[in-house]
């Protein structure tokens, strides 16, 4: 395997999927074989010419496809996990709020009309917060994929 170098196969796959391309289509566009595309994505191996062809086809700098420059794929992985933490915080906040309101209602502290008045604005804020989290995560993911 002379002349083989490590290529960031995860990044190649992510960039290809972002364009909604199959391995076959990337092979045609780059002038490589499907077997080569598969080997790069699975094993992360390819020649310098393979790396040049992939970078040109995917529209990224050649240096970004080096396995050693995996910072961009790590950034994408981190961004994928951000919504999970946001949703977990949202869920804990919603559960605590509803638990306090439910406990107050069961103890007779809240009449029904006060329960509705106090609950609806908070639920609306939780919904808006969830929408903002999803929008930010989507925006960050798109921004990371463009780098």
C-alpha atoms as a PDB file:
ATOM      1  CA  UNK A   1       0.000   0.000   0.000  1.00  0.00           C
ATOM      2  CA  UNK A   2       2.691   2.472  -0.985  1.00  0.00           C
ATOM      3  CA  UNK A   3       1.525   6.038  -1.292  1.00  0.00           C
ATOM      4  CA  UNK A   4      -1.517   5.413   0.918  1.00  0.00           C
ATOM      5  CA  UNK A   5      -2.381   8.096   3.436  1.00  0.00           C
ATOM      6  CA  UNK A   6      -4.994   8.496   6.111  1.00  0.00           C
ATOM      7  CA  UNK A   7      -8.036  10.452   4.953  1.00  0.00           C
ATOM      8  CA  UNK A   8     -10.828  11.560   7.270  1.00  0.00           C
ATOM      9  CA  UNK A   9     -13.443   9.077   6.026  1.00  0.00           C
ATOM     10  CA  UNK A  10     -16.111  10.295   8.456  1.00  0.00           C
ATOM     11  CA  UNK A  11     -15.794  13.812   7.084  1.00  0.00           C
ATOM     12  CA  UNK A  12     -15.929  12.564   3.480  1.00  0.00           C
ATOM     13  CA  UNK A  13     -19.122  10.644   4.294  1.00  0.00           C
ATOM     14  CA  UNK A  14     -20.647  13.646   6.126  1.00  0.00           C
ATOM     15  CA  UNK A  15     -19.879  16.010   3.243  1.00  0.00           C
ATOM     16  CA  UNK A  16     -21.219  13.514   0.698  1.00  0.00           C
ATOM     17  CA  UNK A  17     -24.441  12.995   2.666  1.00  0.00           C
ATOM     18  CA  UNK A  18     -24.851  16.760   3.106  1.00  0.00           C
ATOM     19  CA  UNK A  19     -24.967  17.015  -0.676  1.00  0.00           C
ATOM     20  CA  UNK A  20     -27.369  14.030  -0.739  1.00  0.00           C
ATOM     21  CA  UNK A  21     -24.962  12.158  -3.010  1.00  0.00           C
ATOM     22  CA  UNK A  22     -24.571   8.408  -3.185  1.00  0.00           C
ATOM     23  CA  UNK A  23     -21.110   6.847  -3.223  1.00  0.00           C
ATOM     24  CA  UNK A  24     -21.708   6.110  -6.898  1.00  0.00           C
ATOM     25  CA  UNK A  25     -22.439   9.769  -7.652  1.00  0.00           C
ATOM     26  CA  UNK A  26     -19.354  10.969  -5.746  1.00  0.00           C
ATOM     27  CA  UNK A  27     -17.291   8.422  -7.686  1.00  0.00           C
ATOM     28  CA  UNK A  28     -18.572   9.815 -11.008  1.00  0.00           C
ATOM     29  CA  UNK A  29     -18.035  13.453  -9.989  1.00  0.00           C
ATOM     30  CA  UNK A  30     -14.542  12.842  -8.610  1.00  0.00           C
ATOM     31  CA  UNK A  31     -13.397  10.427 -11.316  1.00  0.00           C
ATOM     32  CA  UNK A  32     -12.707   7.712  -8.756  1.00  0.00           C
ATOM     33  CA  UNK A  33     -14.129   4.213  -8.448  1.00  0.00           C
ATOM     34  CA  UNK A  34     -16.939   3.334  -6.039  1.00  0.00           C
ATOM     35  CA  UNK A  35     -14.548   0.892  -4.396  1.00  0.00           C
ATOM     36  CA  UNK A  36     -12.135   3.762  -3.691  1.00  0.00           C
ATOM     37  CA  UNK A  37     -14.909   5.916  -2.206  1.00  0.00           C
ATOM     38  CA  UNK A  38     -15.986   3.000  -0.016  1.00  0.00           C
ATOM     39  CA  UNK A  39     -12.399   2.324   1.117  1.00  0.00           C
ATOM     40  CA  UNK A  40     -11.894   5.987   2.024  1.00  0.00           C
ATOM     41  CA  UNK A  41     -15.141   6.175   4.022  1.00  0.00           C
ATOM     42  CA  UNK A  42     -14.677   2.831   5.795  1.00  0.00           C
ATOM     43  CA  UNK A  43     -10.905   2.496   6.236  1.00  0.00           C
ATOM     44  CA  UNK A  44      -9.804   6.116   5.797  1.00  0.00           C
ATOM     45  CA  UNK A  45      -7.158   5.098   3.245  1.00  0.00           C
ATOM     46  CA  UNK A  46      -6.370   6.675  -0.093  1.00  0.00           C
ATOM     47  CA  UNK A  47      -3.614   8.175  -2.197  1.00  0.00           C
ATOM     48  CA  UNK A  48      -2.714  11.840  -2.491  1.00  0.00           C
ATOM     49  CA  UNK A  49      -4.501  11.866  -5.861  1.00  0.00           C
ATOM     50  CA  UNK A  50      -7.621  10.428  -4.222  1.00  0.00           C
ATOM     51  CA  UNK A  51      -7.527  13.166  -1.610  1.00  0.00           C
ATOM     52  CA  UNK A  52      -7.144  15.844  -4.301  1.00  0.00           C
ATOM     53  CA  UNK A  53     -10.033  14.443  -6.341  1.00  0.00           C
ATOM     54  CA  UNK A  54     -12.317  14.198  -3.306  1.00  0.00           C
ATOM     55  CA  UNK A  55     -11.495  17.725  -2.134  1.00  0.00           C
ATOM     56  CA  UNK A  56     -12.249  19.119  -5.593  1.00  0.00           C
ATOM     57  CA  UNK A  57     -15.510  17.184  -5.902  1.00  0.00           C
ATOM     58  CA  UNK A  58     -16.704  18.073  -2.412  1.00  0.00           C
ATOM     59  CA  UNK A  59     -15.548  21.695  -2.579  1.00  0.00           C
ATOM     60  CA  UNK A  60     -13.316  21.689   0.505  1.00  0.00           C
ATOM     61  CA  UNK A  61      -9.635  22.479   1.039  1.00  0.00           C
ATOM     62  CA  UNK A  62      -7.369  19.472   0.534  1.00  0.00           C
ATOM     63  CA  UNK A  63      -5.888  19.869   4.026  1.00  0.00           C
ATOM     64  CA  UNK A  64      -9.325  19.448   5.593  1.00  0.00           C
ATOM     65  CA  UNK A  65      -9.518  15.830   4.419  1.00  0.00           C
ATOM     66  CA  UNK A  66      -6.367  14.742   6.230  1.00  0.00           C
ATOM     67  CA  UNK A  67      -7.130  12.388   9.104  1.00  0.00           C
ATOM     68  CA  UNK A  68      -4.839  14.437  11.348  1.00  0.00           C
ATOM     69  CA  UNK A  69      -7.066  17.487  10.841  1.00  0.00           C
ATOM     70  CA  UNK A  70     -10.051  15.834  12.430  1.00  0.00           C
ATOM     71  CA  UNK A  71     -10.946  18.991  14.381  1.00  0.00           C
ATOM     72  CA  UNK A  72     -13.792  19.798  11.996  1.00  0.00           C
ATOM     73  CA  UNK A  73     -15.386  16.367  12.403  1.00  0.00           C
ATOM     74  CA  UNK A  74     -14.969  16.630  16.182  1.00  0.00           C
ATOM     75  CA  UNK A  75     -16.759  19.977  16.045  1.00  0.00           C
ATOM     76  CA  UNK A  76     -19.601  18.360  14.099  1.00  0.00           C
ATOM     77  CA  UNK A  77     -19.830  15.545  16.680  1.00  0.00           C
ATOM     78  CA  UNK A  78     -19.935  18.054  19.539  1.00  0.00           C
ATOM     79  CA  UNK A  79     -22.665  20.034  17.794  1.00  0.00           C
ATOM     80  CA  UNK A  80     -24.707  16.889  17.266  1.00  0.00           C
ATOM     81  CA  UNK A  81     -24.716  16.328  21.037  1.00  0.00           C
ATOM     82  CA  UNK A  82     -25.667  19.892  21.986  1.00  0.00           C
ATOM     83  CA  UNK A  83     -29.382  19.443  21.294  1.00  0.00           C
ATOM     84  CA  UNK A  84     -29.361  16.357  23.520  1.00  0.00           C
ATOM     85  CA  UNK A  85     -28.176  18.434  26.497  1.00  0.00           C
ATOM     86  CA  UNK A  86     -30.609  21.208  25.629  1.00  0.00           C
ATOM     87  CA  UNK A  87     -33.535  18.800  25.482  1.00  0.00           C
ATOM     88  CA  UNK A  88     -32.432  17.157  28.732  1.00  0.00           C
ATOM     89  CA  UNK A  89     -32.379  20.539  30.483  1.00  0.00           C
ATOM     90  CA  UNK A  90     -35.718  21.443  28.948  1.00  0.00           C
ATOM     91  CA  UNK A  91     -37.222  18.156  30.140  1.00  0.00           C
ATOM     92  CA  UNK A  92     -35.883  18.500  33.680  1.00  0.00           C
ATOM     93  CA  UNK A  93     -37.163  22.086  33.866  1.00  0.00           C
ATOM     94  CA  UNK A  94     -40.593  21.087  32.568  1.00  0.00           C
ATOM     95  CA  UNK A  95     -40.836  18.119  34.940  1.00  0.00           C
ATOM     96  CA  UNK A  96     -39.854  20.225  37.958  1.00  0.00           C
ATOM     97  CA  UNK A  97     -42.293  22.983  37.039  1.00  0.00           C
ATOM     98  CA  UNK A  98     -45.173  20.583  36.465  1.00  0.00           C
ATOM     99  CA  UNK A  99     -44.266  18.689  39.654  1.00  0.00           C
ATOM    100  CA  UNK A 100     -44.441  21.853  41.746  1.00  0.00           C
ATOM    101  CA  UNK A 101     -47.718  22.933  40.145  1.00  0.00           C
ATOM    102  CA  UNK A 102     -49.176  19.431  40.524  1.00  0.00           C
ATOM    103  CA  UNK A 103     -48.125  19.249  44.147  1.00  0.00           C
ATOM    104  CA  UNK A 104     -49.631  22.681  44.822  1.00  0.00           C
ATOM    105  CA  UNK A 105     -52.878  21.642  43.170  1.00  0.00           C
ATOM    106  CA  UNK A 106     -53.066  18.365  45.088  1.00  0.00           C
ATOM    107  CA  UNK A 107     -52.553  20.223  48.367  1.00  0.00           C
ATOM    108  CA  UNK A 108     -55.312  22.683  47.512  1.00  0.00           C
ATOM    109  CA  UNK A 109     -52.909  25.612  47.213  1.00  0.00           C
ATOM    110  CA  UNK A 110     -53.973  26.369  43.622  1.00  0.00           C
ATOM    111  CA  UNK A 111     -57.560  26.798  42.492  1.00  0.00           C
ATOM    112  CA  UNK A 112     -58.132  25.519  38.938  1.00  0.00           C
ATOM    113  CA  UNK A 113     -58.264  28.969  37.333  1.00  0.00           C
ATOM    114  CA  UNK A 114     -54.962  29.984  38.984  1.00  0.00           C
ATOM    115  CA  UNK A 115     -53.435  26.704  37.827  1.00  0.00           C
ATOM    116  CA  UNK A 116     -54.339  27.469  34.211  1.00  0.00           C
ATOM    117  CA  UNK A 117     -53.162  31.075  34.438  1.00  0.00           C
ATOM    118  CA  UNK A 118     -49.852  30.123  36.050  1.00  0.00           C
ATOM    119  CA  UNK A 119     -49.136  27.081  33.866  1.00  0.00           C
ATOM    120  CA  UNK A 120     -49.857  28.267  30.326  1.00  0.00           C
ATOM    121  CA  UNK A 121     -47.260  31.064  30.100  1.00  0.00           C
ATOM    122  CA  UNK A 122     -44.534  28.760  31.396  1.00  0.00           C
ATOM    123  CA  UNK A 123     -45.464  26.007  28.968  1.00  0.00           C
ATOM    124  CA  UNK A 124     -45.431  28.556  26.150  1.00  0.00           C
ATOM    125  CA  UNK A 125     -41.939  29.670  27.212  1.00  0.00           C
ATOM    126  CA  UNK A 126     -40.775  26.055  27.302  1.00  0.00           C
ATOM    127  CA  UNK A 127     -42.107  25.566  23.774  1.00  0.00           C
ATOM    128  CA  UNK A 128     -40.379  28.688  22.499  1.00  0.00           C
ATOM    129  CA  UNK A 129     -37.174  27.585  24.225  1.00  0.00           C
ATOM    130  CA  UNK A 130     -37.332  24.196  22.515  1.00  0.00           C
ATOM    131  CA  UNK A 131     -37.828  25.884  19.145  1.00  0.00           C
ATOM    132  CA  UNK A 132     -34.855  28.194  19.726  1.00  0.00           C
ATOM    133  CA  UNK A 133     -32.661  25.242  20.740  1.00  0.00           C
ATOM    134  CA  UNK A 134     -33.582  23.339  17.597  1.00  0.00           C
ATOM    135  CA  UNK A 135     -32.985  26.363  15.361  1.00  0.00           C
ATOM    136  CA  UNK A 136     -29.592  27.102  16.934  1.00  0.00           C
ATOM    137  CA  UNK A 137     -28.490  23.481  16.668  1.00  0.00           C
ATOM    138  CA  UNK A 138     -29.493  23.388  13.008  1.00  0.00           C
ATOM    139  CA  UNK A 139     -27.728  26.673  12.301  1.00  0.00           C
ATOM    140  CA  UNK A 140     -24.532  25.535  14.070  1.00  0.00           C
ATOM    141  CA  UNK A 141     -24.561  22.176  12.294  1.00  0.00           C
ATOM    142  CA  UNK A 142     -24.891  23.885   8.897  1.00  0.00           C
ATOM    143  CA  UNK A 143     -22.134  26.322   9.791  1.00  0.00           C
ATOM    144  CA  UNK A 144     -19.793  23.518  10.914  1.00  0.00           C
ATOM    145  CA  UNK A 145     -20.418  21.550   7.731  1.00  0.00           C
ATOM    146  CA  UNK A 146     -19.461  24.588   5.587  1.00  0.00           C
ATOM    147  CA  UNK A 147     -16.008  24.792   7.199  1.00  0.00           C
END
